[in-house]
Amino acid sequence: MGLDIAGYVMDIEAEFQIDIPSNINLKTVGALYDFIMAELLKQGEPIRDKVWDKLVLITKKHTKYPVNRNSNFCEDLGLN
């Protein structure tokens, strides 16, 4: 995991209070969103409002490119 993506993952984990395993293979922002939602449900927490909006804001903090569900972290956002 490169430094760019490591900082991004740390920000996501802190914001949503979840752990993202280092061996998980999430290639798109949409896949990460689905993972976050599943983790929140497993923890018994209610689904938080505006999870997508928070995820997009954090992602934009780490990249200068437009973000959508299909954005690939390496190819589209330059995170590696």
Protein backbone atom coordinates (compact mmCIF):
# COMPACT_ATOMS: atom_id res chain seq x y z
CA MET A 1 0.00 0.00 0.00
CA GLY A 2 1.46 3.33 -1.05
CA LEU A 3 1.62 6.42 1.14
CA ASP A 4 -1.24 8.12 -0.72
CA ILE A 5 -3.67 5.28 -0.24
CA ALA A 6 -2.48 4.63 3.33
CA GLY A 7 -3.41 8.16 4.40
CA TYR A 8 -6.72 7.86 2.58
CA VAL A 9 -7.55 4.56 4.32
CA MET A 10 -6.64 6.06 7.70
CA ASP A 11 -9.00 8.98 7.09
CA ILE A 12 -11.82 6.62 6.07
CA GLU A 13 -11.27 4.40 9.12
CA ALA A 14 -11.27 7.39 11.45
CA GLU A 15 -14.38 9.00 9.95
CA PHE A 16 -16.51 5.86 9.93
CA GLN A 17 -14.88 4.13 12.95
CA ILE A 18 -14.22 0.93 11.01
CA ASP A 19 -11.18 -1.18 10.20
CA ILE A 20 -10.30 -1.88 6.58
CA PRO A 21 -8.17 -5.04 6.31
CA SER A 22 -4.95 -4.55 4.36
CA ASN A 23 -5.68 -7.63 2.25
CA ILE A 24 -9.08 -6.44 1.01
CA ASN A 25 -9.24 -5.67 -2.70
CA LEU A 26 -11.52 -2.67 -3.24
CA LYS A 27 -10.89 -1.12 -6.63
CA THR A 28 -13.58 1.54 -6.85
CA VAL A 29 -15.13 4.20 -4.66
CA GLY A 30 -18.47 2.40 -5.01
CA ALA A 31 -16.98 -0.86 -3.73
CA LEU A 32 -15.53 1.02 -0.76
CA TYR A 33 -18.91 2.61 -0.08
CA ASP A 34 -20.57 -0.82 -0.12
CA PHE A 35 -17.90 -2.13 2.27
CA ILE A 36 -18.40 0.81 4.66
CA MET A 37 -22.17 0.29 4.68
CA ALA A 38 -21.78 -3.45 5.34
CA GLU A 39 -19.35 -2.77 8.20
CA LEU A 40 -21.70 -0.24 9.79
CA LEU A 41 -24.56 -2.73 9.59
CA LYS A 42 -22.41 -5.53 11.09
CA GLN A 43 -21.60 -3.28 14.03
CA GLY A 44 -25.30 -2.85 14.64
CA GLU A 45 -25.03 0.84 13.99
CA PRO A 46 -27.81 2.56 12.14
CA ILE A 47 -26.90 3.51 8.62
CA ARG A 48 -25.51 6.99 8.92
CA ASP A 49 -26.96 9.79 6.88
CA LYS A 50 -24.79 11.13 4.14
CA VAL A 51 -22.20 8.33 4.20
CA TRP A 52 -21.70 8.82 0.46
CA ASP A 53 -21.24 12.58 0.88
CA LYS A 54 -18.63 12.07 3.60
CA LEU A 55 -16.83 9.47 1.50
CA VAL A 56 -16.70 11.80 -1.50
CA LEU A 57 -15.35 14.67 0.62
CA ILE A 58 -12.58 12.49 2.04
CA THR A 59 -11.77 11.16 -1.43
CA LYS A 60 -11.58 14.67 -2.87
CA LYS A 61 -9.17 15.62 -0.08
CA HIS A 62 -6.76 13.00 -1.43
CA THR A 63 -7.18 13.50 -5.19
CA LYS A 64 -7.79 16.28 -7.67
CA TYR A 65 -9.96 14.17 -9.97
CA PRO A 66 -13.78 13.92 -10.13
CA VAL A 67 -15.27 11.16 -7.98
CA ASN A 68 -18.15 8.80 -8.70
CA ARG A 69 -19.12 5.22 -7.76
CA ASN A 70 -17.15 3.80 -10.67
CA SER A 71 -13.96 5.77 -9.99
CA ASN A 72 -11.03 3.36 -9.85
CA PHE A 73 -8.57 4.32 -7.12
CA CYS A 74 -5.43 3.76 -9.23
CA GLU A 75 -6.57 4.37 -12.80
CA ASP A 76 -8.99 7.28 -12.28
CA LEU A 77 -7.92 8.90 -9.03
CA GLY A 78 -4.18 8.35 -9.02
CA LEU A 79 -4.16 6.83 -5.54
CA ASN A 80 -1.68 4.03 -5.08
